[in-house]
Amino acid sequence: MAYTNKTYVAFDADNDIHYYRLMQAWKQNDNTPFNFYDAH
């Protein structure tokens, strides 16, 4: 059974935007099984 609960993560855009961009790159990479729901 898949885990269906979501976790909301907040971050400081001024200091942590590079981590968000990294997660976007992981999501787009076909060789990385990483997915997230962008609530914005």
C-alpha atoms as a PDB file:
ATOM      1  CA  MET A   1       0.000   0.000   0.000  1.00  0.00           C
ATOM      2  CA  ALA A   2       1.359   3.419  -0.951  1.00  0.00           C
ATOM      3  CA  TYR A   3       1.906   6.124   1.624  1.00  0.00           C
ATOM      4  CA  THR A   4      -0.676   8.783   0.800  1.00  0.00           C
ATOM      5  CA  ASN A   5      -0.297  11.377   3.569  1.00  0.00           C
ATOM      6  CA  LYS A   6       1.415  14.570   2.471  1.00  0.00           C
ATOM      7  CA  THR A   7       3.829  16.673   4.505  1.00  0.00           C
ATOM      8  CA  TYR A   8       3.831  20.437   4.140  1.00  0.00           C
ATOM      9  CA  VAL A   9       7.297  21.974   4.140  1.00  0.00           C
ATOM     10  CA  ALA A  10       7.919  25.698   4.502  1.00  0.00           C
ATOM     11  CA  PHE A  11      11.241  27.350   3.779  1.00  0.00           C
ATOM     12  CA  ASP A  12      12.868  30.769   3.667  1.00  0.00           C
ATOM     13  CA  ALA A  13      12.932  31.686  -0.013  1.00  0.00           C
ATOM     14  CA  ASP A  14      15.742  34.210   0.420  1.00  0.00           C
ATOM     15  CA  ASN A  15      18.152  31.642   1.849  1.00  0.00           C
ATOM     16  CA  ASP A  16      16.813  28.243   0.767  1.00  0.00           C
ATOM     17  CA  ILE A  17      15.549  28.663  -2.804  1.00  0.00           C
ATOM     18  CA  HIS A  18      18.473  26.591  -4.116  1.00  0.00           C
ATOM     19  CA  TYR A  19      17.098  23.573  -2.195  1.00  0.00           C
ATOM     20  CA  TYR A  20      13.702  24.063  -3.825  1.00  0.00           C
ATOM     21  CA  ARG A  21      15.334  24.268  -7.262  1.00  0.00           C
ATOM     22  CA  LEU A  22      17.252  21.075  -6.479  1.00  0.00           C
ATOM     23  CA  MET A  23      14.004  19.271  -5.622  1.00  0.00           C
ATOM     24  CA  GLN A  24      12.509  20.492  -8.906  1.00  0.00           C
ATOM     25  CA  ALA A  25      15.506  19.058 -10.768  1.00  0.00           C
ATOM     26  CA  TRP A  26      15.141  15.716  -8.969  1.00  0.00           C
ATOM     27  CA  LYS A  27      11.446  15.631  -9.902  1.00  0.00           C
ATOM     28  CA  GLN A  28      12.236  16.234 -13.596  1.00  0.00           C
ATOM     29  CA  ASN A  29      15.020  13.633 -13.715  1.00  0.00           C
ATOM     30  CA  ASP A  30      13.691  10.333 -15.080  1.00  0.00           C
ATOM     31  CA  ASN A  31      16.421   8.369 -13.274  1.00  0.00           C
ATOM     32  CA  THR A  32      15.474   9.660  -9.820  1.00  0.00           C
ATOM     33  CA  PRO A  33      12.320   8.243  -8.178  1.00  0.00           C
ATOM     34  CA  PHE A  34      11.458  11.514  -6.425  1.00  0.00           C
ATOM     35  CA  ASN A  35       8.151  13.331  -6.570  1.00  0.00           C
ATOM     36  CA  PHE A  36       6.553  16.142  -4.638  1.00  0.00           C
ATOM     37  CA  TYR A  37       3.350  18.103  -4.848  1.00  0.00           C
ATOM     38  CA  ASP A  38       3.979  21.816  -5.340  1.00  0.00           C
ATOM     39  CA  ALA A  39       1.182  23.519  -3.401  1.00  0.00           C
ATOM     40  CA  HIS A  40       1.948  26.976  -4.813  1.00  0.00           C
END
